[in-house]
Amino acid sequence: DVGWVTLPSIGPPSSRPVTAAAGDITVLLCAVRGTLYAYRDACAACGKSLADGTLDREKLTCAGCGARYDVRLAGKGLDDPALHLDPLPLLTDSQGVRVAVPETAPS
């Protein structure tokens, strides 16, 4: 089962990844050319938070291990295509920014 969680205001889109709490998971938000993308906040290579990573257009680089992902291609690994981030469905509407999180999300 999936539940929609409204995220706290994250301010205007920026060139830095932003994290927000959604229930009991941390969501990583990346803005690319005005479009928001949401992922579970964990590097597929090392498991660390991507909050301190760098976002260069659609390329997100982990500050911990240097793994790179394409946020527009569902978080596909650029260096190792077998790695990918865990995307979360996202809606932006009159209720704000909402993400769908599994009811039994592992922490």
C-alpha atoms as a PDB file:
ATOM      1  CA  ASP A   1       0.000   0.000   0.000  1.00  0.00           C
ATOM      2  CA  VAL A   2       1.104   3.538  -0.746  1.00  0.00           C
ATOM      3  CA  GLY A   3       0.283   6.727   1.138  1.00  0.00           C
ATOM      4  CA  TRP A   4       0.694  10.284  -0.130  1.00  0.00           C
ATOM      5  CA  VAL A   5       2.629  12.559   2.217  1.00  0.00           C
ATOM      6  CA  THR A   6       2.711  16.353   1.841  1.00  0.00           C
ATOM      7  CA  LEU A   7       6.269  17.608   2.216  1.00  0.00           C
ATOM      8  CA  PRO A   8       7.173  20.725   4.193  1.00  0.00           C
ATOM      9  CA  SER A   9       7.920  23.781   2.067  1.00  0.00           C
ATOM     10  CA  ILE A  10      11.340  23.399   0.479  1.00  0.00           C
ATOM     11  CA  GLY A  11      11.445  26.879  -1.040  1.00  0.00           C
ATOM     12  CA  PRO A  12      12.167  27.668  -4.675  1.00  0.00           C
ATOM     13  CA  PRO A  13      13.975  25.050  -6.794  1.00  0.00           C
ATOM     14  CA  SER A  14      17.746  25.334  -6.582  1.00  0.00           C
ATOM     15  CA  SER A  15      20.802  23.660  -8.019  1.00  0.00           C
ATOM     16  CA  ARG A  16      21.329  21.734  -4.762  1.00  0.00           C
ATOM     17  CA  PRO A  17      19.595  18.556  -3.662  1.00  0.00           C
ATOM     18  CA  VAL A  18      17.189  19.094  -0.756  1.00  0.00           C
ATOM     19  CA  THR A  19      15.944  16.566   1.789  1.00  0.00           C
ATOM     20  CA  ALA A  20      12.594  16.478   3.536  1.00  0.00           C
ATOM     21  CA  ALA A  21      10.904  14.062   5.924  1.00  0.00           C
ATOM     22  CA  ALA A  22       7.989  12.042   4.540  1.00  0.00           C
ATOM     23  CA  GLY A  23       6.593   9.886   7.290  1.00  0.00           C
ATOM     24  CA  ASP A  24       9.476   7.783   8.557  1.00  0.00           C
ATOM     25  CA  ILE A  25      11.695   8.082   5.472  1.00  0.00           C
ATOM     26  CA  THR A  26      13.897  10.903   4.198  1.00  0.00           C
ATOM     27  CA  VAL A  27      13.151  12.072   0.678  1.00  0.00           C
ATOM     28  CA  LEU A  28      15.761  13.633  -1.606  1.00  0.00           C
ATOM     29  CA  LEU A  29      14.383  16.256  -3.999  1.00  0.00           C
ATOM     30  CA  CYS A  30      16.252  17.416  -7.079  1.00  0.00           C
ATOM     31  CA  ALA A  31      15.094  20.203  -9.406  1.00  0.00           C
ATOM     32  CA  VAL A  32      16.182  19.943 -13.040  1.00  0.00           C
ATOM     33  CA  ARG A  33      14.989  22.625 -15.454  1.00  0.00           C
ATOM     34  CA  GLY A  34      11.984  23.404 -13.258  1.00  0.00           C
ATOM     35  CA  THR A  35      10.930  19.764 -12.787  1.00  0.00           C
ATOM     36  CA  LEU A  36      11.124  18.147  -9.350  1.00  0.00           C
ATOM     37  CA  TYR A  37      12.284  14.558  -8.909  1.00  0.00           C
ATOM     38  CA  ALA A  38      11.959  12.619  -5.660  1.00  0.00           C
ATOM     39  CA  TYR A  39      14.065   9.706  -4.422  1.00  0.00           C
ATOM     40  CA  ARG A  40      14.630   7.840  -1.200  1.00  0.00           C
ATOM     41  CA  ASP A  41      17.693   9.574   0.327  1.00  0.00           C
ATOM     42  CA  ALA A  42      20.320   6.831   0.014  1.00  0.00           C
ATOM     43  CA  CYS A  43      23.186   6.341  -2.421  1.00  0.00           C
ATOM     44  CA  ALA A  44      22.766   3.000  -4.212  1.00  0.00           C
ATOM     45  CA  ALA A  45      26.530   2.436  -4.057  1.00  0.00           C
ATOM     46  CA  CYS A  46      27.430   3.312  -0.444  1.00  0.00           C
ATOM     47  CA  GLY A  47      24.076   3.880   1.323  1.00  0.00           C
ATOM     48  CA  LYS A  48      24.966   7.380   2.557  1.00  0.00           C
ATOM     49  CA  SER A  49      22.676  10.394   2.333  1.00  0.00           C
ATOM     50  CA  LEU A  50      22.822  12.322  -0.941  1.00  0.00           C
ATOM     51  CA  ALA A  51      21.940  15.632   0.754  1.00  0.00           C
ATOM     52  CA  ASP A  52      25.551  16.838   0.483  1.00  0.00           C
ATOM     53  CA  GLY A  53      25.874  15.621  -3.092  1.00  0.00           C
ATOM     54  CA  THR A  54      26.270  17.906  -6.071  1.00  0.00           C
ATOM     55  CA  LEU A  55      23.693  18.382  -8.797  1.00  0.00           C
ATOM     56  CA  ASP A  56      25.090  19.391 -12.191  1.00  0.00           C
ATOM     57  CA  ARG A  57      22.075  19.689 -14.485  1.00  0.00           C
ATOM     58  CA  GLU A  58      20.633  16.138 -14.303  1.00  0.00           C
ATOM     59  CA  LYS A  59      23.768  14.499 -12.850  1.00  0.00           C
ATOM     60  CA  LEU A  60      23.693  13.873  -9.095  1.00  0.00           C
ATOM     61  CA  THR A  61      27.040  12.920  -7.537  1.00  0.00           C
ATOM     62  CA  CYS A  62      27.325  11.310  -4.091  1.00  0.00           C
ATOM     63  CA  ALA A  63      29.642  13.288  -1.779  1.00  0.00           C
ATOM     64  CA  GLY A  64      30.546  10.066   0.044  1.00  0.00           C
ATOM     65  CA  CYS A  65      31.716   7.774  -2.760  1.00  0.00           C
ATOM     66  CA  GLY A  66      31.496   9.790  -5.989  1.00  0.00           C
ATOM     67  CA  ALA A  67      28.844   7.559  -7.628  1.00  0.00           C
ATOM     68  CA  ARG A  68      26.859   9.482 -10.250  1.00  0.00           C
ATOM     69  CA  TYR A  69      23.173   9.177 -11.136  1.00  0.00           C
ATOM     70  CA  ASP A  70      20.857  10.677 -13.760  1.00  0.00           C
ATOM     71  CA  VAL A  71      17.886  12.091 -11.847  1.00  0.00           C
ATOM     72  CA  ARG A  72      15.834  12.435 -15.059  1.00  0.00           C
ATOM     73  CA  LEU A  73      16.269   8.719 -15.903  1.00  0.00           C
ATOM     74  CA  ALA A  74      14.749   7.349 -12.674  1.00  0.00           C
ATOM     75  CA  GLY A  75      18.097   7.645 -10.874  1.00  0.00           C
ATOM     76  CA  LYS A  76      20.033   5.361 -13.246  1.00  0.00           C
ATOM     77  CA  GLY A  77      23.699   4.938 -12.353  1.00  0.00           C
ATOM     78  CA  LEU A  78      25.982   6.708 -14.819  1.00  0.00           C
ATOM     79  CA  ASP A  79      29.156   4.838 -13.826  1.00  0.00           C
ATOM     80  CA  ASP A  80      27.483   1.494 -13.059  1.00  0.00           C
ATOM     81  CA  PRO A  81      24.126   1.013 -14.837  1.00  0.00           C
ATOM     82  CA  ALA A  82      23.288  -1.812 -12.404  1.00  0.00           C
ATOM     83  CA  LEU A  83      22.989   0.812  -9.643  1.00  0.00           C
ATOM     84  CA  HIS A  84      19.992   3.097  -9.434  1.00  0.00           C
ATOM     85  CA  LEU A  85      18.330   5.332  -6.889  1.00  0.00           C
ATOM     86  CA  ASP A  86      14.907   4.479  -5.473  1.00  0.00           C
ATOM     87  CA  PRO A  87      12.452   6.908  -7.163  1.00  0.00           C
ATOM     88  CA  LEU A  88       9.272   8.036  -5.437  1.00  0.00           C
ATOM     89  CA  PRO A  89       6.122   9.226  -7.254  1.00  0.00           C
ATOM     90  CA  LEU A  90       5.708  12.993  -6.841  1.00  0.00           C
ATOM     91  CA  LEU A  91       2.782  15.380  -7.324  1.00  0.00           C
ATOM     92  CA  THR A  92       2.779  19.166  -7.219  1.00  0.00           C
ATOM     93  CA  ASP A  93      -0.691  20.659  -6.890  1.00  0.00           C
ATOM     94  CA  SER A  94      -2.817  22.989  -4.755  1.00  0.00           C
ATOM     95  CA  GLN A  95      -1.970  20.829  -1.713  1.00  0.00           C
ATOM     96  CA  GLY A  96       1.764  21.442  -2.200  1.00  0.00           C
ATOM     97  CA  VAL A  97       4.443  18.911  -3.034  1.00  0.00           C
ATOM     98  CA  ARG A  98       3.432  15.338  -2.205  1.00  0.00           C
ATOM     99  CA  VAL A  99       5.279  12.052  -2.533  1.00  0.00           C
ATOM    100  CA  ALA A 100       3.967   8.509  -2.444  1.00  0.00           C
ATOM    101  CA  VAL A 101       5.688   6.408   0.183  1.00  0.00           C
ATOM    102  CA  PRO A 102       5.081   2.731   0.883  1.00  0.00           C
ATOM    103  CA  GLU A 103       3.048   2.214   4.064  1.00  0.00           C
ATOM    104  CA  THR A 104       5.705  -0.155   5.403  1.00  0.00           C
ATOM    105  CA  ALA A 105       8.755   1.831   4.296  1.00  0.00           C
ATOM    106  CA  PRO A 106      12.007   0.468   5.690  1.00  0.00           C
ATOM    107  CA  SER A 107      13.920   3.119   7.600  1.00  0.00           C
END
